[in-house]
Amino acid sequence: MKMIGNMWVQLLLLVALSSLCAVSSGGSGRPFYIRGRVYCDTCRCGFETNKTTYIPRAKVRIECEDRKTSQLKYSVAGKTDKTGTFIIKVEEDHKDEICYASLVGSPLSNCRTADPGRSRSQVILTRDNGAISDLHFANSLGFLRDQPLAGCAELVHELLYSDL
């Protein structure tokens, strides 16, 4: 009976070790999916507000650069859907690279200037950090509207002084 118990312990240990090896190998070959949103900063605040609109058909690019030389190593483009959301498939693990989701273009004639502080977002594209999900998120990316919408001054005032 004791021998059967030892066999079960050994079997469980073997299963646990093989599972650990599968996780630590990073599941190479599985693509990543980067999800984010593109918006028009209608009040030119530098962040999303309740007057923000999301941009369908905005162009976005995922780029990865060598950590030491900053040489471009990978690039793939995508577009947002009708809700301003993009999901871009990225092949391979990019553990030795720095990767960004970046704005490329807006179809809105009055909202085409990329906000310098929100025009790109760093994304992690490696499984060597313990990440197990194929879906990774980028911060929202924003374009600035040429002229603020009516009501923006009131919104900014409310945001600045609502807690006082």
C-alpha atoms as a PDB file:
ATOM      1  CA  MET A   1       0.000   0.000   0.000  1.00  0.00           C
ATOM      2  CA  LYS A   2       2.853   2.336   0.877  1.00  0.00           C
ATOM      3  CA  MET A   3       4.432   1.656  -2.556  1.00  0.00           C
ATOM      4  CA  ILE A   4       1.213   2.685  -4.330  1.00  0.00           C
ATOM      5  CA  GLY A   5       1.152   5.942  -2.323  1.00  0.00           C
ATOM      6  CA  ASN A   6       4.765   6.674  -3.372  1.00  0.00           C
ATOM      7  CA  MET A   7       3.859   6.026  -7.014  1.00  0.00           C
ATOM      8  CA  TRP A   8       1.019   8.554  -6.780  1.00  0.00           C
ATOM      9  CA  VAL A   9       3.347  11.129  -5.228  1.00  0.00           C
ATOM     10  CA  GLN A  10       5.914  10.537  -7.983  1.00  0.00           C
ATOM     11  CA  LEU A  11       3.238  10.749 -10.668  1.00  0.00           C
ATOM     12  CA  LEU A  12       1.874  14.015  -9.254  1.00  0.00           C
ATOM     13  CA  LEU A  13       5.400  15.423  -9.052  1.00  0.00           C
ATOM     14  CA  LEU A  14       6.035  14.449 -12.672  1.00  0.00           C
ATOM     15  CA  VAL A  15       2.803  16.124 -13.807  1.00  0.00           C
ATOM     16  CA  ALA A  16       3.629  19.275 -11.821  1.00  0.00           C
ATOM     17  CA  LEU A  17       7.165  19.456 -13.255  1.00  0.00           C
ATOM     18  CA  SER A  18       5.978  18.955 -16.824  1.00  0.00           C
ATOM     19  CA  SER A  19       3.360  21.697 -16.349  1.00  0.00           C
ATOM     20  CA  LEU A  20       6.030  24.018 -14.971  1.00  0.00           C
ATOM     21  CA  CYS A  21       8.273  23.288 -17.953  1.00  0.00           C
ATOM     22  CA  ALA A  22       5.432  24.078 -20.359  1.00  0.00           C
ATOM     23  CA  VAL A  23       4.809  27.438 -18.673  1.00  0.00           C
ATOM     24  CA  SER A  24       8.497  28.378 -18.444  1.00  0.00           C
ATOM     25  CA  SER A  25       9.125  27.531 -22.088  1.00  0.00           C
ATOM     26  CA  GLY A  26       6.874  30.488 -22.858  1.00  0.00           C
ATOM     27  CA  GLY A  27       4.615  28.609 -25.233  1.00  0.00           C
ATOM     28  CA  SER A  28       6.805  29.740 -28.117  1.00  0.00           C
ATOM     29  CA  GLY A  29       4.990  29.968 -31.383  1.00  0.00           C
ATOM     30  CA  ARG A  30       1.806  31.403 -29.872  1.00  0.00           C
ATOM     31  CA  PRO A  31       1.048  34.913 -31.085  1.00  0.00           C
ATOM     32  CA  PHE A  32       0.180  37.858 -28.867  1.00  0.00           C
ATOM     33  CA  TYR A  33      -2.865  40.056 -29.400  1.00  0.00           C
ATOM     34  CA  ILE A  34      -2.501  43.713 -28.466  1.00  0.00           C
ATOM     35  CA  ARG A  35      -5.720  45.522 -27.628  1.00  0.00           C
ATOM     36  CA  GLY A  36      -6.223  49.247 -27.192  1.00  0.00           C
ATOM     37  CA  ARG A  37      -8.397  52.185 -28.161  1.00  0.00           C
ATOM     38  CA  VAL A  38      -7.890  55.348 -30.196  1.00  0.00           C
ATOM     39  CA  TYR A  39      -9.759  58.489 -29.248  1.00  0.00           C
ATOM     40  CA  CYS A  40     -10.252  62.085 -30.278  1.00  0.00           C
ATOM     41  CA  ASP A  41      -9.482  64.428 -27.392  1.00  0.00           C
ATOM     42  CA  THR A  42     -12.372  66.753 -28.158  1.00  0.00           C
ATOM     43  CA  CYS A  43     -11.495  69.133 -25.308  1.00  0.00           C
ATOM     44  CA  ARG A  44      -7.701  69.019 -25.811  1.00  0.00           C
ATOM     45  CA  CYS A  45      -7.239  67.979 -22.151  1.00  0.00           C
ATOM     46  CA  GLY A  46      -4.495  65.402 -22.711  1.00  0.00           C
ATOM     47  CA  PHE A  47      -6.641  62.554 -21.383  1.00  0.00           C
ATOM     48  CA  GLU A  48     -10.023  60.901 -21.883  1.00  0.00           C
ATOM     49  CA  THR A  49     -13.100  62.730 -20.569  1.00  0.00           C
ATOM     50  CA  ASN A  50     -16.854  62.236 -20.848  1.00  0.00           C
ATOM     51  CA  LYS A  51     -16.713  64.320 -24.063  1.00  0.00           C
ATOM     52  CA  THR A  52     -14.116  62.014 -25.652  1.00  0.00           C
ATOM     53  CA  THR A  53     -15.104  60.243 -28.860  1.00  0.00           C
ATOM     54  CA  TYR A  54     -13.482  57.053 -30.137  1.00  0.00           C
ATOM     55  CA  ILE A  55     -12.220  56.879 -33.700  1.00  0.00           C
ATOM     56  CA  PRO A  56     -13.225  54.111 -36.121  1.00  0.00           C
ATOM     57  CA  ARG A  57     -10.734  53.245 -38.902  1.00  0.00           C
ATOM     58  CA  ALA A  58      -7.786  54.931 -37.151  1.00  0.00           C
ATOM     59  CA  LYS A  59      -4.443  53.455 -38.160  1.00  0.00           C
ATOM     60  CA  VAL A  60      -2.150  52.007 -35.498  1.00  0.00           C
ATOM     61  CA  ARG A  61       1.209  50.250 -35.674  1.00  0.00           C
ATOM     62  CA  ILE A  62       3.024  47.890 -33.302  1.00  0.00           C
ATOM     63  CA  GLU A  63       6.802  48.294 -33.561  1.00  0.00           C
ATOM     64  CA  CYS A  64       9.619  46.583 -31.701  1.00  0.00           C
ATOM     65  CA  GLU A  65      13.155  47.927 -31.501  1.00  0.00           C
ATOM     66  CA  ASP A  66      16.400  46.310 -30.411  1.00  0.00           C
ATOM     67  CA  ARG A  67      17.041  47.301 -26.787  1.00  0.00           C
ATOM     68  CA  LYS A  68      20.675  48.276 -27.394  1.00  0.00           C
ATOM     69  CA  THR A  69      20.757  49.688 -30.931  1.00  0.00           C
ATOM     70  CA  SER A  70      17.160  50.995 -31.272  1.00  0.00           C
ATOM     71  CA  GLN A  71      17.088  49.326 -34.698  1.00  0.00           C
ATOM     72  CA  LEU A  72      13.566  48.425 -35.863  1.00  0.00           C
ATOM     73  CA  LYS A  73      13.146  44.654 -35.621  1.00  0.00           C
ATOM     74  CA  TYR A  74       9.402  44.112 -36.093  1.00  0.00           C
ATOM     75  CA  SER A  75       6.448  46.115 -37.382  1.00  0.00           C
ATOM     76  CA  VAL A  76       2.798  45.305 -37.996  1.00  0.00           C
ATOM     77  CA  ALA A  77      -0.122  47.633 -38.740  1.00  0.00           C
ATOM     78  CA  GLY A  78      -3.794  47.548 -37.862  1.00  0.00           C
ATOM     79  CA  LYS A  79      -6.966  49.636 -37.739  1.00  0.00           C
ATOM     80  CA  THR A  80      -9.630  50.324 -35.170  1.00  0.00           C
ATOM     81  CA  ASP A  81     -13.144  48.946 -35.453  1.00  0.00           C
ATOM     82  CA  LYS A  82     -16.373  50.969 -35.208  1.00  0.00           C
ATOM     83  CA  THR A  83     -15.829  51.404 -31.435  1.00  0.00           C
ATOM     84  CA  GLY A  84     -12.303  52.777 -31.840  1.00  0.00           C
ATOM     85  CA  THR A  85     -10.803  49.513 -30.563  1.00  0.00           C
ATOM     86  CA  PHE A  86      -7.861  47.760 -32.201  1.00  0.00           C
ATOM     87  CA  ILE A  87      -6.691  44.208 -31.756  1.00  0.00           C
ATOM     88  CA  ILE A  88      -3.419  43.531 -33.549  1.00  0.00           C
ATOM     89  CA  LYS A  89      -1.844  40.082 -33.848  1.00  0.00           C
ATOM     90  CA  VAL A  90       1.887  40.016 -33.106  1.00  0.00           C
ATOM     91  CA  GLU A  91       3.953  37.002 -34.031  1.00  0.00           C
ATOM     92  CA  GLU A  92       6.761  35.651 -31.849  1.00  0.00           C
ATOM     93  CA  ASP A  93       8.164  36.580 -28.468  1.00  0.00           C
ATOM     94  CA  HIS A  94      10.034  39.912 -28.446  1.00  0.00           C
ATOM     95  CA  LYS A  95      11.819  39.597 -25.100  1.00  0.00           C
ATOM     96  CA  ASP A  96      14.994  41.447 -26.135  1.00  0.00           C
ATOM     97  CA  GLU A  97      13.088  44.296 -27.744  1.00  0.00           C
ATOM     98  CA  ILE A  98      11.173  47.368 -26.637  1.00  0.00           C
ATOM     99  CA  CYS A  99       7.745  47.436 -28.264  1.00  0.00           C
ATOM    100  CA  TYR A 100       5.180  50.196 -28.709  1.00  0.00           C
ATOM    101  CA  ALA A 101       1.670  50.656 -30.034  1.00  0.00           C
ATOM    102  CA  SER A 102       1.781  53.958 -31.971  1.00  0.00           C
ATOM    103  CA  LEU A 103      -0.672  56.194 -33.779  1.00  0.00           C
ATOM    104  CA  VAL A 104      -0.288  56.335 -37.550  1.00  0.00           C
ATOM    105  CA  GLY A 105      -3.326  58.249 -38.786  1.00  0.00           C
ATOM    106  CA  SER A 106      -6.865  59.419 -38.158  1.00  0.00           C
ATOM    107  CA  PRO A 107      -9.668  59.502 -40.736  1.00  0.00           C
ATOM    108  CA  LEU A 108     -11.219  62.535 -38.985  1.00  0.00           C
ATOM    109  CA  SER A 109     -10.320  65.779 -40.765  1.00  0.00           C
ATOM    110  CA  ASN A 110     -10.728  67.847 -37.585  1.00  0.00           C
ATOM    111  CA  CYS A 111      -8.849  65.437 -35.300  1.00  0.00           C
ATOM    112  CA  ARG A 112      -5.562  64.430 -36.953  1.00  0.00           C
ATOM    113  CA  THR A 113      -2.877  65.835 -34.661  1.00  0.00           C
ATOM    114  CA  ALA A 114      -1.393  63.120 -32.460  1.00  0.00           C
ATOM    115  CA  ASP A 115      -1.224  64.140 -28.802  1.00  0.00           C
ATOM    116  CA  PRO A 116       2.541  63.989 -28.076  1.00  0.00           C
ATOM    117  CA  GLY A 117       1.883  62.542 -24.615  1.00  0.00           C
ATOM    118  CA  ARG A 118      -0.595  59.923 -25.844  1.00  0.00           C
ATOM    119  CA  SER A 119       0.690  59.001 -29.300  1.00  0.00           C
ATOM    120  CA  ARG A 120       2.305  55.735 -28.235  1.00  0.00           C
ATOM    121  CA  SER A 121       2.170  53.170 -25.481  1.00  0.00           C
ATOM    122  CA  GLN A 122       4.783  50.615 -24.501  1.00  0.00           C
ATOM    123  CA  VAL A 123       3.542  47.027 -24.688  1.00  0.00           C
ATOM    124  CA  ILE A 124       5.110  43.897 -23.237  1.00  0.00           C
ATOM    125  CA  LEU A 125       5.546  41.149 -25.803  1.00  0.00           C
ATOM    126  CA  THR A 126       7.279  38.368 -23.922  1.00  0.00           C
ATOM    127  CA  ARG A 127       6.245  35.416 -21.827  1.00  0.00           C
ATOM    128  CA  ASP A 128       9.575  35.446 -19.951  1.00  0.00           C
ATOM    129  CA  ASN A 129       8.006  37.728 -17.349  1.00  0.00           C
ATOM    130  CA  GLY A 130       5.455  35.144 -16.247  1.00  0.00           C
ATOM    131  CA  ALA A 131       2.620  36.382 -18.476  1.00  0.00           C
ATOM    132  CA  ILE A 132       0.375  33.533 -19.531  1.00  0.00           C
ATOM    133  CA  SER A 133      -2.276  35.416 -21.486  1.00  0.00           C
ATOM    134  CA  ASP A 134      -2.033  35.935 -25.234  1.00  0.00           C
ATOM    135  CA  LEU A 135      -4.005  39.182 -24.856  1.00  0.00           C
ATOM    136  CA  HIS A 136      -2.000  42.225 -23.754  1.00  0.00           C
ATOM    137  CA  PHE A 137      -3.279  45.781 -23.423  1.00  0.00           C
ATOM    138  CA  ALA A 138      -1.966  49.125 -24.641  1.00  0.00           C
ATOM    139  CA  ASN A 139      -2.967  52.396 -23.022  1.00  0.00           C
ATOM    140  CA  SER A 140      -5.446  54.437 -25.033  1.00  0.00           C
ATOM    141  CA  LEU A 141      -3.893  56.534 -27.801  1.00  0.00           C
ATOM    142  CA  GLY A 142      -5.177  60.004 -28.617  1.00  0.00           C
ATOM    143  CA  PHE A 143      -5.471  62.580 -31.349  1.00  0.00           C
ATOM    144  CA  LEU A 144      -6.240  66.234 -30.544  1.00  0.00           C
ATOM    145  CA  ARG A 145      -9.273  67.948 -32.043  1.00  0.00           C
ATOM    146  CA  ASP A 146      -8.383  71.143 -33.934  1.00  0.00           C
ATOM    147  CA  GLN A 147     -10.838  73.247 -31.910  1.00  0.00           C
ATOM    148  CA  PRO A 148     -12.355  72.189 -28.569  1.00  0.00           C
ATOM    149  CA  LEU A 149     -16.058  71.356 -28.529  1.00  0.00           C
ATOM    150  CA  ALA A 150     -18.573  73.685 -26.953  1.00  0.00           C
ATOM    151  CA  GLY A 151     -18.841  72.977 -23.237  1.00  0.00           C
ATOM    152  CA  CYS A 152     -15.196  71.997 -22.789  1.00  0.00           C
ATOM    153  CA  ALA A 153     -14.319  75.041 -20.671  1.00  0.00           C
ATOM    154  CA  GLU A 154     -17.067  74.075 -18.233  1.00  0.00           C
ATOM    155  CA  LEU A 155     -15.894  70.456 -18.190  1.00  0.00           C
ATOM    156  CA  VAL A 156     -12.308  71.467 -17.438  1.00  0.00           C
ATOM    157  CA  HIS A 157     -13.494  73.809 -14.689  1.00  0.00           C
ATOM    158  CA  GLU A 158     -15.568  70.987 -13.184  1.00  0.00           C
ATOM    159  CA  LEU A 159     -12.627  68.556 -13.350  1.00  0.00           C
ATOM    160  CA  LEU A 160     -10.285  71.046 -11.699  1.00  0.00           C
ATOM    161  CA  TYR A 161     -12.566  72.329  -8.972  1.00  0.00           C
ATOM    162  CA  SER A 162     -15.102  69.586  -8.239  1.00  0.00           C
ATOM    163  CA  ASP A 163     -13.377  68.455  -5.002  1.00  0.00           C
ATOM    164  CA  LEU A 164     -12.929  71.916  -3.524  1.00  0.00           C
END
